[in-house]
C-alpha atoms as a PDB file:
ATOM      1  CA  UNK A   1     168.792 186.178 121.502  1.00  0.00           C
ATOM      2  CA  UNK A   2     173.171 185.238 122.678  1.00  0.00           C
ATOM      3  CA  UNK A   3     175.993 187.674 121.323  1.00  0.00           C
ATOM      4  CA  UNK A   4     176.028 184.090 118.301  1.00  0.00           C
ATOM      5  CA  UNK A   5     176.512 180.380 118.872  1.00  0.00           C
ATOM      6  CA  UNK A   6     178.573 177.674 117.409  1.00  0.00           C
ATOM      7  CA  UNK A   7     177.600 173.956 117.301  1.00  0.00           C
ATOM      8  CA  UNK A   8     180.276 170.567 116.596  1.00  0.00           C
ATOM      9  CA  UNK A   9     179.717 167.552 116.927  1.00  0.00           C
ATOM     10  CA  UNK A  10     183.056 165.537 117.985  1.00  0.00           C
ATOM     11  CA  UNK A  11     184.098 161.626 116.951  1.00  0.00           C
ATOM     12  CA  UNK A  12     180.384 160.298 117.463  1.00  0.00           C
ATOM     13  CA  UNK A  13     179.005 157.488 117.165  1.00  0.00           C
ATOM     14  CA  UNK A  14     175.685 156.503 117.441  1.00  0.00           C
ATOM     15  CA  UNK A  15     172.936 153.084 116.371  1.00  0.00           C
ATOM     16  CA  UNK A  16     169.674 152.025 116.820  1.00  0.00           C
ATOM     17  CA  UNK A  17     171.239 148.771 117.314  1.00  0.00           C
ATOM     18  CA  UNK A  18     175.107 146.690 117.857  1.00  0.00           C
ATOM     19  CA  UNK A  19     176.428 147.989 114.041  1.00  0.00           C
ATOM     20  CA  UNK A  20     176.329 152.407 114.122  1.00  0.00           C
ATOM     21  CA  UNK A  21     174.327 154.360 112.440  1.00  0.00           C
ATOM     22  CA  UNK A  22     176.636 157.290 112.680  1.00  0.00           C
ATOM     23  CA  UNK A  23     180.590 156.455 112.941  1.00  0.00           C
ATOM     24  CA  UNK A  24     182.851 158.337 114.330  1.00  0.00           C
ATOM     25  CA  UNK A  25     181.114 161.624 112.780  1.00  0.00           C
ATOM     26  CA  UNK A  26     182.784 165.205 112.840  1.00  0.00           C
ATOM     27  CA  UNK A  27     181.451 168.336 112.457  1.00  0.00           C
ATOM     28  CA  UNK A  28     181.698 171.472 113.252  1.00  0.00           C
ATOM     29  CA  UNK A  29     179.445 174.610 111.859  1.00  0.00           C
ATOM     30  CA  UNK A  30     180.128 178.287 112.397  1.00  0.00           C
ATOM     31  CA  UNK A  31     178.127 181.361 113.170  1.00  0.00           C
ATOM     32  CA  UNK A  32     176.680 183.212 109.961  1.00  0.00           C
ATOM     33  CA  UNK A  33     176.994 179.909 108.343  1.00  0.00           C
ATOM     34  CA  UNK A  34     174.079 177.604 106.211  1.00  0.00           C
ATOM     35  CA  UNK A  35     176.139 174.375 105.877  1.00  0.00           C
ATOM     36  CA  UNK A  36     173.563 171.592 104.235  1.00  0.00           C
ATOM     37  CA  UNK A  37     173.818 167.853 104.670  1.00  0.00           C
ATOM     38  CA  UNK A  38     173.543 165.802 102.425  1.00  0.00           C
ATOM     39  CA  UNK A  39     173.626 162.510 100.760  1.00  0.00           C
ATOM     40  CA  UNK A  40     171.948 158.982 100.057  1.00  0.00           C
ATOM     41  CA  UNK A  41     168.846 158.448 102.635  1.00  0.00           C
ATOM     42  CA  UNK A  42     169.974 155.340 105.382  1.00  0.00           C
ATOM     43  CA  UNK A  43     173.768 157.810 105.465  1.00  0.00           C
ATOM     44  CA  UNK A  44     172.483 159.109 108.804  1.00  0.00           C
ATOM     45  CA  UNK A  45     171.843 162.239 107.822  1.00  0.00           C
ATOM     46  CA  UNK A  46     168.500 163.194 110.720  1.00  0.00           C
ATOM     47  CA  UNK A  47     169.690 160.842 113.467  1.00  0.00           C
ATOM     48  CA  UNK A  48     173.275 163.306 112.511  1.00  0.00           C
ATOM     49  CA  UNK A  49     170.971 165.930 113.397  1.00  0.00           C
ATOM     50  CA  UNK A  50     168.243 163.910 115.980  1.00  0.00           C
ATOM     51  CA  UNK A  51     171.584 163.601 118.269  1.00  0.00           C
ATOM     52  CA  UNK A  52     172.947 167.327 118.019  1.00  0.00           C
ATOM     53  CA  UNK A  53     168.378 167.954 119.738  1.00  0.00           C
ATOM     54  CA  UNK A  54     169.465 165.205 121.951  1.00  0.00           C
ATOM     55  CA  UNK A  55     166.791 163.704 120.965  1.00  0.00           C
ATOM     56  CA  UNK A  56     169.028 160.764 121.056  1.00  0.00           C
ATOM     57  CA  UNK A  57     171.513 159.832 123.106  1.00  0.00           C
ATOM     58  CA  UNK A  58     175.081 158.466 120.941  1.00  0.00           C
ATOM     59  CA  UNK A  59     177.142 155.747 122.311  1.00  0.00           C
ATOM     60  CA  UNK A  60     180.475 157.960 122.298  1.00  0.00           C
ATOM     61  CA  UNK A  61     181.788 161.586 121.069  1.00  0.00           C
ATOM     62  CA  UNK A  62     180.708 164.706 121.988  1.00  0.00           C
ATOM     63  CA  UNK A  63     178.036 167.421 121.052  1.00  0.00           C
ATOM     64  CA  UNK A  64     179.524 171.161 121.805  1.00  0.00           C
ATOM     65  CA  UNK A  65     177.596 173.898 121.874  1.00  0.00           C
ATOM     66  CA  UNK A  66     179.832 176.780 121.756  1.00  0.00           C
ATOM     67  CA  UNK A  67     177.748 180.050 123.316  1.00  0.00           C
ATOM     68  CA  UNK A  68     179.369 183.646 124.518  1.00  0.00           C
ATOM     69  CA  UNK A  69     182.380 182.342 123.788  1.00  0.00           C
ATOM     70  CA  UNK A  70     181.607 179.661 126.581  1.00  0.00           C
ATOM     71  CA  UNK A  71     182.157 176.086 125.603  1.00  0.00           C
ATOM     72  CA  UNK A  72     178.848 174.487 126.908  1.00  0.00           C
ATOM     73  CA  UNK A  73     178.268 170.623 125.842  1.00  0.00           C
ATOM     74  CA  UNK A  74     175.181 168.997 125.644  1.00  0.00           C
ATOM     75  CA  UNK A  75     175.119 166.724 128.243  1.00  0.00           C
ATOM     76  CA  UNK A  76     175.355 169.642 131.415  1.00  0.00           C
ATOM     77  CA  UNK A  77     172.637 171.614 129.522  1.00  0.00           C
ATOM     78  CA  UNK A  78     169.642 171.436 130.754  1.00  0.00           C
ATOM     79  CA  UNK A  79     166.123 170.846 128.214  1.00  0.00           C
ATOM     80  CA  UNK A  80     164.739 174.682 128.592  1.00  0.00           C
ATOM     81  CA  UNK A  81     168.987 176.089 128.528  1.00  0.00           C
ATOM     82  CA  UNK A  82     168.971 173.554 124.752  1.00  0.00           C
ATOM     83  CA  UNK A  83     165.296 174.795 123.233  1.00  0.00           C
ATOM     84  CA  UNK A  84     166.996 178.761 123.030  1.00  0.00           C
ATOM     85  CA  UNK A  85     169.811 177.468 121.929  1.00  0.00           C
ATOM     86  CA  UNK A  86     168.300 175.261 119.189  1.00  0.00           C
ATOM     87  CA  UNK A  87     165.400 175.928 117.136  1.00  0.00           C
ATOM     88  CA  UNK A  88     163.912 172.825 114.886  1.00  0.00           C
ATOM     89  CA  UNK A  89     162.247 172.640 110.918  1.00  0.00           C
ATOM     90  CA  UNK A  90     160.434 169.958 110.568  1.00  0.00           C
ATOM     91  CA  UNK A  91     159.647 168.551 107.151  1.00  0.00           C
ATOM     92  CA  UNK A  92     155.674 168.337 109.127  1.00  0.00           C
ATOM     93  CA  UNK A  93     154.251 167.924 111.120  1.00  0.00           C
ATOM     94  CA  UNK A  94     152.468 164.954 112.295  1.00  0.00           C
ATOM     95  CA  UNK A  95     150.954 167.744 116.109  1.00  0.00           C
ATOM     96  CA  UNK A  96     148.928 170.536 116.131  1.00  0.00           C
ATOM     97  CA  UNK A  97     146.795 169.999 113.489  1.00  0.00           C
ATOM     98  CA  UNK A  98     143.534 170.577 115.552  1.00  0.00           C
ATOM     99  CA  UNK A  99     145.823 174.200 116.537  1.00  0.00           C
ATOM    100  CA  UNK A 100     145.468 178.044 114.877  1.00  0.00           C
ATOM    101  CA  UNK A 101     148.208 178.893 113.142  1.00  0.00           C
ATOM    102  CA  UNK A 102     149.326 181.640 115.994  1.00  0.00           C
ATOM    103  CA  UNK A 103     148.571 178.401 118.558  1.00  0.00           C
ATOM    104  CA  UNK A 104     150.800 176.822 117.362  1.00  0.00           C
ATOM    105  CA  UNK A 105     153.738 180.189 115.737  1.00  0.00           C
ATOM    106  CA  UNK A 106     153.013 180.762 119.761  1.00  0.00           C
ATOM    107  CA  UNK A 107     154.685 177.607 121.045  1.00  0.00           C
ATOM    108  CA  UNK A 108     157.969 178.573 120.092  1.00  0.00           C
ATOM    109  CA  UNK A 109     157.566 180.972 122.836  1.00  0.00           C
ATOM    110  CA  UNK A 110     157.443 178.246 125.739  1.00  0.00           C
ATOM    111  CA  UNK A 111     161.688 177.434 126.393  1.00  0.00           C
ATOM    112  CA  UNK A 112     160.640 181.578 126.953  1.00  0.00           C
ATOM    113  CA  UNK A 113     157.854 181.892 129.737  1.00  0.00           C
ATOM    114  CA  UNK A 114     159.252 182.869 133.448  1.00  0.00           C
ATOM    115  CA  UNK A 115     157.686 179.049 134.564  1.00  0.00           C
ATOM    116  CA  UNK A 116     154.824 177.424 133.860  1.00  0.00           C
ATOM    117  CA  UNK A 117     152.360 179.362 134.919  1.00  0.00           C
ATOM    118  CA  UNK A 118     153.543 182.805 134.778  1.00  0.00           C
ATOM    119  CA  UNK A 119     151.184 182.789 130.856  1.00  0.00           C
ATOM    120  CA  UNK A 120     153.493 184.385 127.477  1.00  0.00           C
ATOM    121  CA  UNK A 121     153.735 187.809 128.077  1.00  0.00           C
ATOM    122  CA  UNK A 122     152.630 190.393 125.673  1.00  0.00           C
ATOM    123  CA  UNK A 123     156.575 190.620 124.473  1.00  0.00           C
ATOM    124  CA  UNK A 124     155.885 186.968 123.097  1.00  0.00           C
ATOM    125  CA  UNK A 125     152.438 188.137 121.195  1.00  0.00           C
ATOM    126  CA  UNK A 126     154.685 191.050 119.824  1.00  0.00           C
ATOM    127  CA  UNK A 127     157.230 188.699 118.156  1.00  0.00           C
ATOM    128  CA  UNK A 128     154.994 186.033 117.174  1.00  0.00           C
ATOM    129  CA  UNK A 129     153.035 189.145 115.564  1.00  0.00           C
ATOM    130  CA  UNK A 130     155.754 190.688 113.679  1.00  0.00           C
ATOM    131  CA  UNK A 131     156.831 187.213 112.185  1.00  0.00           C
ATOM    132  CA  UNK A 132     153.516 186.332 110.911  1.00  0.00           C
ATOM    133  CA  UNK A 133     154.326 189.396 109.310  1.00  0.00           C
ATOM    134  CA  UNK A 134     157.747 188.941 108.544  1.00  0.00           C
ATOM    135  CA  UNK A 135     156.215 185.896 106.769  1.00  0.00           C
ATOM    136  CA  UNK A 136     153.166 187.354 104.923  1.00  0.00           C
ATOM    137  CA  UNK A 137     151.323 184.767 106.893  1.00  0.00           C
ATOM    138  CA  UNK A 138     149.831 186.539 109.681  1.00  0.00           C
ATOM    139  CA  UNK A 139     146.061 186.722 107.075  1.00  0.00           C
ATOM    140  CA  UNK A 140     145.880 182.561 107.786  1.00  0.00           C
ATOM    141  CA  UNK A 141     146.905 183.471 112.112  1.00  0.00           C
ATOM    142  CA  UNK A 142     143.134 182.287 113.432  1.00  0.00           C
ATOM    143  CA  UNK A 143     143.140 179.283 110.417  1.00  0.00           C
ATOM    144  CA  UNK A 144     144.016 175.619 111.871  1.00  0.00           C
ATOM    145  CA  UNK A 145     147.184 174.084 110.574  1.00  0.00           C
ATOM    146  CA  UNK A 146     145.106 171.461 108.933  1.00  0.00           C
ATOM    147  CA  UNK A 147     143.867 173.481 106.312  1.00  0.00           C
ATOM    148  CA  UNK A 148     147.191 174.828 104.838  1.00  0.00           C
ATOM    149  CA  UNK A 149     148.982 174.041 101.543  1.00  0.00           C
ATOM    150  CA  UNK A 150     152.235 172.188 102.191  1.00  0.00           C
ATOM    151  CA  UNK A 151     154.009 175.472 101.570  1.00  0.00           C
ATOM    152  CA  UNK A 152     152.311 177.164 103.899  1.00  0.00           C
ATOM    153  CA  UNK A 153     152.589 175.157 106.933  1.00  0.00           C
ATOM    154  CA  UNK A 154     155.874 175.010 106.443  1.00  0.00           C
ATOM    155  CA  UNK A 155     156.293 178.551 106.852  1.00  0.00           C
ATOM    156  CA  UNK A 156     153.953 177.858 109.945  1.00  0.00           C
ATOM    157  CA  UNK A 157     156.859 175.109 111.262  1.00  0.00           C
ATOM    158  CA  UNK A 158     159.389 178.792 110.379  1.00  0.00           C
ATOM    159  CA  UNK A 159     158.119 180.314 111.888  1.00  0.00           C
ATOM    160  CA  UNK A 160     157.510 178.948 115.392  1.00  0.00           C
ATOM    161  CA  UNK A 161     161.586 177.857 114.939  1.00  0.00           C
ATOM    162  CA  UNK A 162     162.390 181.662 114.606  1.00  0.00           C
ATOM    163  CA  UNK A 163     160.172 183.035 117.915  1.00  0.00           C
ATOM    164  CA  UNK A 164     161.542 180.074 118.968  1.00  0.00           C
ATOM    165  CA  UNK A 165     164.879 183.000 118.686  1.00  0.00           C
ATOM    166  CA  UNK A 166     167.543 180.741 118.805  1.00  0.00           C
ATOM    167  CA  UNK A 167     171.510 181.969 117.090  1.00  0.00           C
ATOM    168  CA  UNK A 168     171.070 177.795 115.951  1.00  0.00           C
ATOM    169  CA  UNK A 169     168.602 176.904 113.622  1.00  0.00           C
ATOM    170  CA  UNK A 170     167.760 173.413 111.961  1.00  0.00           C
ATOM    171  CA  UNK A 171     166.145 171.881 109.527  1.00  0.00           C
ATOM    172  CA  UNK A 172     165.593 168.461 108.674  1.00  0.00           C
ATOM    173  CA  UNK A 173     164.115 168.430 105.061  1.00  0.00           C
ATOM    174  CA  UNK A 174     162.922 171.528 105.143  1.00  0.00           C
ATOM    175  CA  UNK A 175     162.326 172.196 102.024  1.00  0.00           C
ATOM    176  CA  UNK A 176     160.895 168.401 100.693  1.00  0.00           C
ATOM    177  CA  UNK A 177     157.868 167.642  98.920  1.00  0.00           C
ATOM    178  CA  UNK A 178     157.624 171.528  98.560  1.00  0.00           C
ATOM    179  CA  UNK A 179     157.639 173.096  95.270  1.00  0.00           C
ATOM    180  CA  UNK A 180     160.196 174.725  93.587  1.00  0.00           C
ATOM    181  CA  UNK A 181     158.606 177.752  93.750  1.00  0.00           C
ATOM    182  CA  UNK A 182     157.414 177.200  97.807  1.00  0.00           C
ATOM    183  CA  UNK A 183     161.261 175.714  98.059  1.00  0.00           C
ATOM    184  CA  UNK A 184     162.864 178.729  97.359  1.00  0.00           C
ATOM    185  CA  UNK A 185     161.169 181.039  99.394  1.00  0.00           C
ATOM    186  CA  UNK A 186     162.155 179.277 102.239  1.00  0.00           C
ATOM    187  CA  UNK A 187     166.013 178.937 102.060  1.00  0.00           C
ATOM    188  CA  UNK A 188     165.320 182.350 101.161  1.00  0.00           C
ATOM    189  CA  UNK A 189     163.291 183.323 103.937  1.00  0.00           C
ATOM    190  CA  UNK A 190     166.465 181.510 106.299  1.00  0.00           C
ATOM    191  CA  UNK A 191     168.779 182.865 104.817  1.00  0.00           C
ATOM    192  CA  UNK A 192     167.724 186.372 105.095  1.00  0.00           C
ATOM    193  CA  UNK A 193     168.072 185.502 108.677  1.00  0.00           C
ATOM    194  CA  UNK A 194     171.639 184.847 108.382  1.00  0.00           C
ATOM    195  CA  UNK A 195     173.183 188.055 110.088  1.00  0.00           C
ATOM    196  CA  UNK A 196     176.797 185.936 110.482  1.00  0.00           C
ATOM    197  CA  UNK A 197     175.759 184.634 114.489  1.00  0.00           C
ATOM    198  CA  UNK A 198     173.038 183.146 113.558  1.00  0.00           C
ATOM    199  CA  UNK A 199     174.569 179.289 112.388  1.00  0.00           C
ATOM    200  CA  UNK A 200     171.725 176.988 110.247  1.00  0.00           C
ATOM    201  CA  UNK A 201     171.987 173.379 109.638  1.00  0.00           C
ATOM    202  CA  UNK A 202     170.471 172.174 106.694  1.00  0.00           C
ATOM    203  CA  UNK A 203     169.200 168.400 106.155  1.00  0.00           C
ATOM    204  CA  UNK A 204     168.983 168.391 102.069  1.00  0.00           C
ATOM    205  CA  UNK A 205     168.197 165.996  98.913  1.00  0.00           C
ATOM    206  CA  UNK A 206     168.458 168.989  96.572  1.00  0.00           C
ATOM    207  CA  UNK A 207     171.429 169.407  95.836  1.00  0.00           C
ATOM    208  CA  UNK A 208     170.524 171.821  93.093  1.00  0.00           C
ATOM    209  CA  UNK A 209     168.922 173.590  96.094  1.00  0.00           C
ATOM    210  CA  UNK A 210     171.975 173.264  98.607  1.00  0.00           C
ATOM    211  CA  UNK A 211     174.307 174.025  95.891  1.00  0.00           C
ATOM    212  CA  UNK A 212     172.689 178.024  95.259  1.00  0.00           C
ATOM    213  CA  UNK A 213     172.338 178.347  99.150  1.00  0.00           C
ATOM    214  CA  UNK A 214     174.760 176.837 101.367  1.00  0.00           C
ATOM    215  CA  UNK A 215     178.286 177.603 102.619  1.00  0.00           C
ATOM    216  CA  UNK A 216     179.852 174.532 102.497  1.00  0.00           C
ATOM    217  CA  UNK A 217     178.224 171.442 102.560  1.00  0.00           C
ATOM    218  CA  UNK A 218     178.422 167.555 104.564  1.00  0.00           C
ATOM    219  CA  UNK A 219     177.815 164.835 102.450  1.00  0.00           C
ATOM    220  CA  UNK A 220     177.546 162.201 104.179  1.00  0.00           C
ATOM    221  CA  UNK A 221     177.414 158.228 103.356  1.00  0.00           C
ATOM    222  CA  UNK A 222     177.397 154.912 105.360  1.00  0.00           C
ATOM    223  CA  UNK A 223     177.388 157.117 108.113  1.00  0.00           C
ATOM    224  CA  UNK A 224     180.605 158.570 108.647  1.00  0.00           C
ATOM    225  CA  UNK A 225     181.667 162.213 106.879  1.00  0.00           C
ATOM    226  CA  UNK A 226     183.255 161.410 102.460  1.00  0.00           C
ATOM    227  CA  UNK A 227     183.056 165.515 101.754  1.00  0.00           C
ATOM    228  CA  UNK A 228     182.995 168.773 103.486  1.00  0.00           C
ATOM    229  CA  UNK A 229     183.737 171.413 101.627  1.00  0.00           C
ATOM    230  CA  UNK A 230     181.678 174.064  99.245  1.00  0.00           C
ATOM    231  CA  UNK A 231     179.257 173.245  96.374  1.00  0.00           C
ATOM    232  CA  UNK A 232     182.640 174.830  94.938  1.00  0.00           C
ATOM    233  CA  UNK A 233     184.693 172.534  95.841  1.00  0.00           C
ATOM    234  CA  UNK A 234     182.840 168.783  97.267  1.00  0.00           C
ATOM    235  CA  UNK A 235     180.275 168.697  93.273  1.00  0.00           C
ATOM    236  CA  UNK A 236     182.954 167.070  90.872  1.00  0.00           C
ATOM    237  CA  UNK A 237     181.912 164.204  88.610  1.00  0.00           C
ATOM    238  CA  UNK A 238     183.356 161.688  90.708  1.00  0.00           C
ATOM    239  CA  UNK A 239     182.606 162.621  94.453  1.00  0.00           C
ATOM    240  CA  UNK A 240     179.145 162.648  93.565  1.00  0.00           C
ATOM    241  CA  UNK A 241     179.500 159.423  91.849  1.00  0.00           C
ATOM    242  CA  UNK A 242     181.156 158.123  94.756  1.00  0.00           C
ATOM    243  CA  UNK A 243     178.175 159.311  96.889  1.00  0.00           C
ATOM    244  CA  UNK A 244     175.585 158.300  94.934  1.00  0.00           C
ATOM    245  CA  UNK A 245     176.311 155.369  93.708  1.00  0.00           C
ATOM    246  CA  UNK A 246     175.394 157.198  89.854  1.00  0.00           C
ATOM    247  CA  UNK A 247     176.237 158.285  86.767  1.00  0.00           C
ATOM    248  CA  UNK A 248     175.312 162.333  87.093  1.00  0.00           C
ATOM    249  CA  UNK A 249     176.387 165.771  84.685  1.00  0.00           C
ATOM    250  CA  UNK A 250     178.340 168.426  86.592  1.00  0.00           C
ATOM    251  CA  UNK A 251     178.241 171.532  85.109  1.00  0.00           C
ATOM    252  CA  UNK A 252     178.512 175.657  86.171  1.00  0.00           C
ATOM    253  CA  UNK A 253     176.975 177.700  85.582  1.00  0.00           C
ATOM    254  CA  UNK A 254     176.903 181.776  83.774  1.00  0.00           C
ATOM    255  CA  UNK A 255     177.896 181.754  87.969  1.00  0.00           C
ATOM    256  CA  UNK A 256     180.076 179.347  88.281  1.00  0.00           C
ATOM    257  CA  UNK A 257     177.235 177.193  90.575  1.00  0.00           C
ATOM    258  CA  UNK A 258     177.401 173.589  90.262  1.00  0.00           C
ATOM    259  CA  UNK A 259     173.686 172.232  89.826  1.00  0.00           C
ATOM    260  CA  UNK A 260     173.698 168.229  88.758  1.00  0.00           C
ATOM    261  CA  UNK A 261     170.929 166.821  86.092  1.00  0.00           C
ATOM    262  CA  UNK A 262     170.861 162.678  85.427  1.00  0.00           C
ATOM    263  CA  UNK A 263     172.422 161.947  82.590  1.00  0.00           C
ATOM    264  CA  UNK A 264     168.987 161.646  79.816  1.00  0.00           C
ATOM    265  CA  UNK A 265     168.436 165.038  80.694  1.00  0.00           C
ATOM    266  CA  UNK A 266     171.683 166.751  80.246  1.00  0.00           C
ATOM    267  CA  UNK A 267     172.499 165.642  76.571  1.00  0.00           C
ATOM    268  CA  UNK A 268     171.131 169.286  75.224  1.00  0.00           C
ATOM    269  CA  UNK A 269     173.550 170.885  78.256  1.00  0.00           C
ATOM    270  CA  UNK A 270     176.789 168.691  77.376  1.00  0.00           C
ATOM    271  CA  UNK A 271     176.465 170.190  73.677  1.00  0.00           C
ATOM    272  CA  UNK A 272     175.554 173.178  73.761  1.00  0.00           C
ATOM    273  CA  UNK A 273     172.288 173.782  73.157  1.00  0.00           C
ATOM    274  CA  UNK A 274     171.336 176.067  75.741  1.00  0.00           C
ATOM    275  CA  UNK A 275     173.602 178.365  78.644  1.00  0.00           C
ATOM    276  CA  UNK A 276     171.903 178.176  82.432  1.00  0.00           C
ATOM    277  CA  UNK A 277     171.505 181.550  84.698  1.00  0.00           C
ATOM    278  CA  UNK A 278     171.316 182.036  87.730  1.00  0.00           C
ATOM    279  CA  UNK A 279     168.740 183.908  89.432  1.00  0.00           C
ATOM    280  CA  UNK A 280     168.734 186.693  90.677  1.00  0.00           C
ATOM    281  CA  UNK A 281     167.852 186.593  94.769  1.00  0.00           C
END
């Protein structure tokens, strides 16, 4: 792994048509930081992520990776260089269902092969085995990915990204469609790997999960950055109402962590019927 990397998007403009999906977006994520990208459907969250990974090419603006204190424009990076800087945990993967868990995770080592003919090394195999054990999925090594539950498969996708050994980890709704146990498990595993060097950008829909785990959040709406800051700074009724066009209840738990509920579900809280406490991590 490199010393550290950070990512910056400056005045990013991208559109699938003449109308921009991203309109002069500015985002900076520093080493050791977990930043959540939030906003309603169609606000440009996943599009931003795909630009940061060069799946799409913006019409204008710049994306810069700061690697070992060296500024590198994304357009100057080879595909292999970019794959050594940033890895992705998608919400789901349509490919590789016939692969075993071990084979799927080993794909994360491809950017580190000396050549396409050299094959995987003992270090590659050790990295995969240690990661599988660390995520408690080594018992699935020989199982086809198609036989796993949604939560189990998300751990496999996370393992694949981790063995890629990058300092920038991007999550595209990686906890969507998971039950609370598996969603919290995934976020705990991600949070544990923030060692002051790894950068994590997480596209999320779950406002409460984001408030619990993110250092900062960026709210997008209609392709622009409307608000950014810590959850404590940005989870305000007027901001949540502006972003989601809904009158939602915003409260604080016993530790000051904000949470958001629909009004119909918040009646008891507003009446002071019970106190919400943050679970110990």
